[in-house]
């Protein structure tokens, strides 16, 4: 059985007209940039001692998260990724990213950590 057709949990029903309802992921509504509370921090955990800049707290669809991540990576001139509600940018770019986000309208952006 492929993972696409696999249902989570077991359903027992005596109703002959019963149809299983698959869970659907709901996209989060996009908050305007002024209401986004983003945290920008430096992370070294599980990265063999290398630093990355971690942006968390984004509320919105995955496409908008990836678009913001692409913008930040191109402005910093480095690589990274955007998934699971977080944007990872290679290197210690915290101060530059905070300035870029504030210039883009994310006024509640804060640098956190050491």
C-alpha atoms as a PDB file:
ATOM      1  CA  UNK A   1       0.000   0.000   0.000  1.00  0.00           C
ATOM      2  CA  UNK A   2       1.473   3.356  -0.962  1.00  0.00           C
ATOM      3  CA  UNK A   3       1.697   6.187   1.516  1.00  0.00           C
ATOM      4  CA  UNK A   4      -0.705   8.305  -0.545  1.00  0.00           C
ATOM      5  CA  UNK A   5      -3.616   5.931   0.011  1.00  0.00           C
ATOM      6  CA  UNK A   6      -2.811   5.100   3.602  1.00  0.00           C
ATOM      7  CA  UNK A   7      -5.281   6.310   6.173  1.00  0.00           C
ATOM      8  CA  UNK A   8      -4.213   7.184   9.666  1.00  0.00           C
ATOM      9  CA  UNK A   9      -6.113   5.259  12.316  1.00  0.00           C
ATOM     10  CA  UNK A  10      -8.724   2.556  11.987  1.00  0.00           C
ATOM     11  CA  UNK A  11     -12.387   3.227  11.353  1.00  0.00           C
ATOM     12  CA  UNK A  12     -15.137   0.727  12.155  1.00  0.00           C
ATOM     13  CA  UNK A  13     -18.654   1.504  11.037  1.00  0.00           C
ATOM     14  CA  UNK A  14     -21.899  -0.400  10.656  1.00  0.00           C
ATOM     15  CA  UNK A  15     -23.264   2.260   8.328  1.00  0.00           C
ATOM     16  CA  UNK A  16     -23.206   0.879   4.745  1.00  0.00           C
ATOM     17  CA  UNK A  17     -23.033   4.420   3.314  1.00  0.00           C
ATOM     18  CA  UNK A  18     -20.022   5.431   5.429  1.00  0.00           C
ATOM     19  CA  UNK A  19     -17.189   7.154   3.602  1.00  0.00           C
ATOM     20  CA  UNK A  20     -13.922   7.944   5.291  1.00  0.00           C
ATOM     21  CA  UNK A  21     -13.063  11.656   5.393  1.00  0.00           C
ATOM     22  CA  UNK A  22      -9.399  12.285   4.714  1.00  0.00           C
ATOM     23  CA  UNK A  23      -7.716  14.991   6.718  1.00  0.00           C
ATOM     24  CA  UNK A  24      -6.846  18.009   4.643  1.00  0.00           C
ATOM     25  CA  UNK A  25      -4.167  20.482   5.572  1.00  0.00           C
ATOM     26  CA  UNK A  26      -5.498  23.994   5.888  1.00  0.00           C
ATOM     27  CA  UNK A  27      -3.345  26.882   4.790  1.00  0.00           C
ATOM     28  CA  UNK A  28      -2.778  29.547   7.406  1.00  0.00           C
ATOM     29  CA  UNK A  29      -4.181  32.961   6.570  1.00  0.00           C
ATOM     30  CA  UNK A  30      -1.528  35.471   5.630  1.00  0.00           C
ATOM     31  CA  UNK A  31      -1.092  38.227   8.173  1.00  0.00           C
ATOM     32  CA  UNK A  32      -0.011  41.625   6.866  1.00  0.00           C
ATOM     33  CA  UNK A  33       3.705  42.356   7.400  1.00  0.00           C
ATOM     34  CA  UNK A  34       2.936  44.931  10.114  1.00  0.00           C
ATOM     35  CA  UNK A  35       1.279  42.226  12.265  1.00  0.00           C
ATOM     36  CA  UNK A  36       3.923  39.519  11.781  1.00  0.00           C
ATOM     37  CA  UNK A  37       6.021  38.921  14.898  1.00  0.00           C
ATOM     38  CA  UNK A  38       9.253  37.532  13.508  1.00  0.00           C
ATOM     39  CA  UNK A  39      12.238  36.396  15.591  1.00  0.00           C
ATOM     40  CA  UNK A  40      15.704  36.398  14.048  1.00  0.00           C
ATOM     41  CA  UNK A  41      18.319  34.312  15.860  1.00  0.00           C
ATOM     42  CA  UNK A  42      21.655  32.581  15.331  1.00  0.00           C
ATOM     43  CA  UNK A  43      21.617  28.783  15.549  1.00  0.00           C
ATOM     44  CA  UNK A  44      24.519  26.326  15.753  1.00  0.00           C
ATOM     45  CA  UNK A  45      22.718  23.204  16.968  1.00  0.00           C
ATOM     46  CA  UNK A  46      23.055  20.043  14.854  1.00  0.00           C
ATOM     47  CA  UNK A  47      25.006  21.926  12.197  1.00  0.00           C
ATOM     48  CA  UNK A  48      28.559  20.781  13.003  1.00  0.00           C
ATOM     49  CA  UNK A  49      29.408  24.150  14.572  1.00  0.00           C
ATOM     50  CA  UNK A  50      28.433  26.225  11.549  1.00  0.00           C
ATOM     51  CA  UNK A  51      26.221  29.243  12.116  1.00  0.00           C
ATOM     52  CA  UNK A  52      22.892  29.824  10.433  1.00  0.00           C
ATOM     53  CA  UNK A  53      20.406  32.631  10.834  1.00  0.00           C
ATOM     54  CA  UNK A  54      16.970  31.340  11.778  1.00  0.00           C
ATOM     55  CA  UNK A  55      13.814  33.392  11.131  1.00  0.00           C
ATOM     56  CA  UNK A  56      10.752  32.023  12.939  1.00  0.00           C
ATOM     57  CA  UNK A  57       7.214  33.157  13.701  1.00  0.00           C
ATOM     58  CA  UNK A  58       5.967  33.601  10.131  1.00  0.00           C
ATOM     59  CA  UNK A  59       2.198  33.149   9.795  1.00  0.00           C
ATOM     60  CA  UNK A  60       0.959  32.426   6.304  1.00  0.00           C
ATOM     61  CA  UNK A  61       0.966  29.981   3.410  1.00  0.00           C
ATOM     62  CA  UNK A  62       4.083  27.991   2.547  1.00  0.00           C
ATOM     63  CA  UNK A  63       4.418  29.792  -0.815  1.00  0.00           C
ATOM     64  CA  UNK A  64       4.702  33.204   0.863  1.00  0.00           C
ATOM     65  CA  UNK A  65       7.248  31.800   3.314  1.00  0.00           C
ATOM     66  CA  UNK A  66       9.379  30.498   0.437  1.00  0.00           C
ATOM     67  CA  UNK A  67       9.060  33.820  -1.391  1.00  0.00           C
ATOM     68  CA  UNK A  68      10.282  35.743   1.669  1.00  0.00           C
ATOM     69  CA  UNK A  69      13.111  33.226   2.119  1.00  0.00           C
ATOM     70  CA  UNK A  70      14.170  33.644  -1.503  1.00  0.00           C
ATOM     71  CA  UNK A  71      14.184  37.429  -1.098  1.00  0.00           C
ATOM     72  CA  UNK A  72      16.340  37.282   2.048  1.00  0.00           C
ATOM     73  CA  UNK A  73      18.785  34.754   0.590  1.00  0.00           C
ATOM     74  CA  UNK A  74      19.263  36.808  -2.572  1.00  0.00           C
ATOM     75  CA  UNK A  75      19.833  40.056  -0.636  1.00  0.00           C
ATOM     76  CA  UNK A  76      22.400  38.361   1.618  1.00  0.00           C
ATOM     77  CA  UNK A  77      24.030  36.476  -1.248  1.00  0.00           C
ATOM     78  CA  UNK A  78      23.943  33.111   0.533  1.00  0.00           C
ATOM     79  CA  UNK A  79      22.001  29.837   0.463  1.00  0.00           C
ATOM     80  CA  UNK A  80      19.402  28.465   2.805  1.00  0.00           C
ATOM     81  CA  UNK A  81      15.930  26.967   2.958  1.00  0.00           C
ATOM     82  CA  UNK A  82      12.352  27.810   3.915  1.00  0.00           C
ATOM     83  CA  UNK A  83      10.117  25.108   5.362  1.00  0.00           C
ATOM     84  CA  UNK A  84       8.023  24.216   8.404  1.00  0.00           C
ATOM     85  CA  UNK A  85       7.334  27.872   9.202  1.00  0.00           C
ATOM     86  CA  UNK A  86      11.031  28.766   9.454  1.00  0.00           C
ATOM     87  CA  UNK A  87      13.557  30.348   7.146  1.00  0.00           C
ATOM     88  CA  UNK A  88      17.182  29.254   7.428  1.00  0.00           C
ATOM     89  CA  UNK A  89      19.878  31.491   5.933  1.00  0.00           C
ATOM     90  CA  UNK A  90      23.500  30.350   5.945  1.00  0.00           C
ATOM     91  CA  UNK A  91      25.967  32.322   8.051  1.00  0.00           C
ATOM     92  CA  UNK A  92      25.624  35.006  10.691  1.00  0.00           C
ATOM     93  CA  UNK A  93      23.340  37.461   8.847  1.00  0.00           C
ATOM     94  CA  UNK A  94      21.130  38.458  11.797  1.00  0.00           C
ATOM     95  CA  UNK A  95      21.647  42.241  11.781  1.00  0.00           C
ATOM     96  CA  UNK A  96      21.364  42.514   8.002  1.00  0.00           C
ATOM     97  CA  UNK A  97      18.167  40.415   7.941  1.00  0.00           C
ATOM     98  CA  UNK A  98      16.546  42.471  10.719  1.00  0.00           C
ATOM     99  CA  UNK A  99      17.204  45.640   8.694  1.00  0.00           C
ATOM    100  CA  UNK A 100      15.886  44.045   5.484  1.00  0.00           C
ATOM    101  CA  UNK A 101      12.702  42.823   7.177  1.00  0.00           C
ATOM    102  CA  UNK A 102      12.019  46.215   8.757  1.00  0.00           C
ATOM    103  CA  UNK A 103      12.535  47.883   5.363  1.00  0.00           C
ATOM    104  CA  UNK A 104       9.994  45.438   3.851  1.00  0.00           C
ATOM    105  CA  UNK A 105       7.374  46.441   6.448  1.00  0.00           C
ATOM    106  CA  UNK A 106       7.851  43.736   9.094  1.00  0.00           C
ATOM    107  CA  UNK A 107       7.958  46.293  11.908  1.00  0.00           C
ATOM    108  CA  UNK A 108       7.655  43.816  14.800  1.00  0.00           C
ATOM    109  CA  UNK A 109      10.878  41.976  13.901  1.00  0.00           C
ATOM    110  CA  UNK A 110      13.267  41.336  16.795  1.00  0.00           C
ATOM    111  CA  UNK A 111      16.756  39.933  17.044  1.00  0.00           C
ATOM    112  CA  UNK A 112      16.937  37.262  19.717  1.00  0.00           C
ATOM    113  CA  UNK A 113      19.766  35.311  21.263  1.00  0.00           C
ATOM    114  CA  UNK A 114      23.438  36.172  21.733  1.00  0.00           C
END
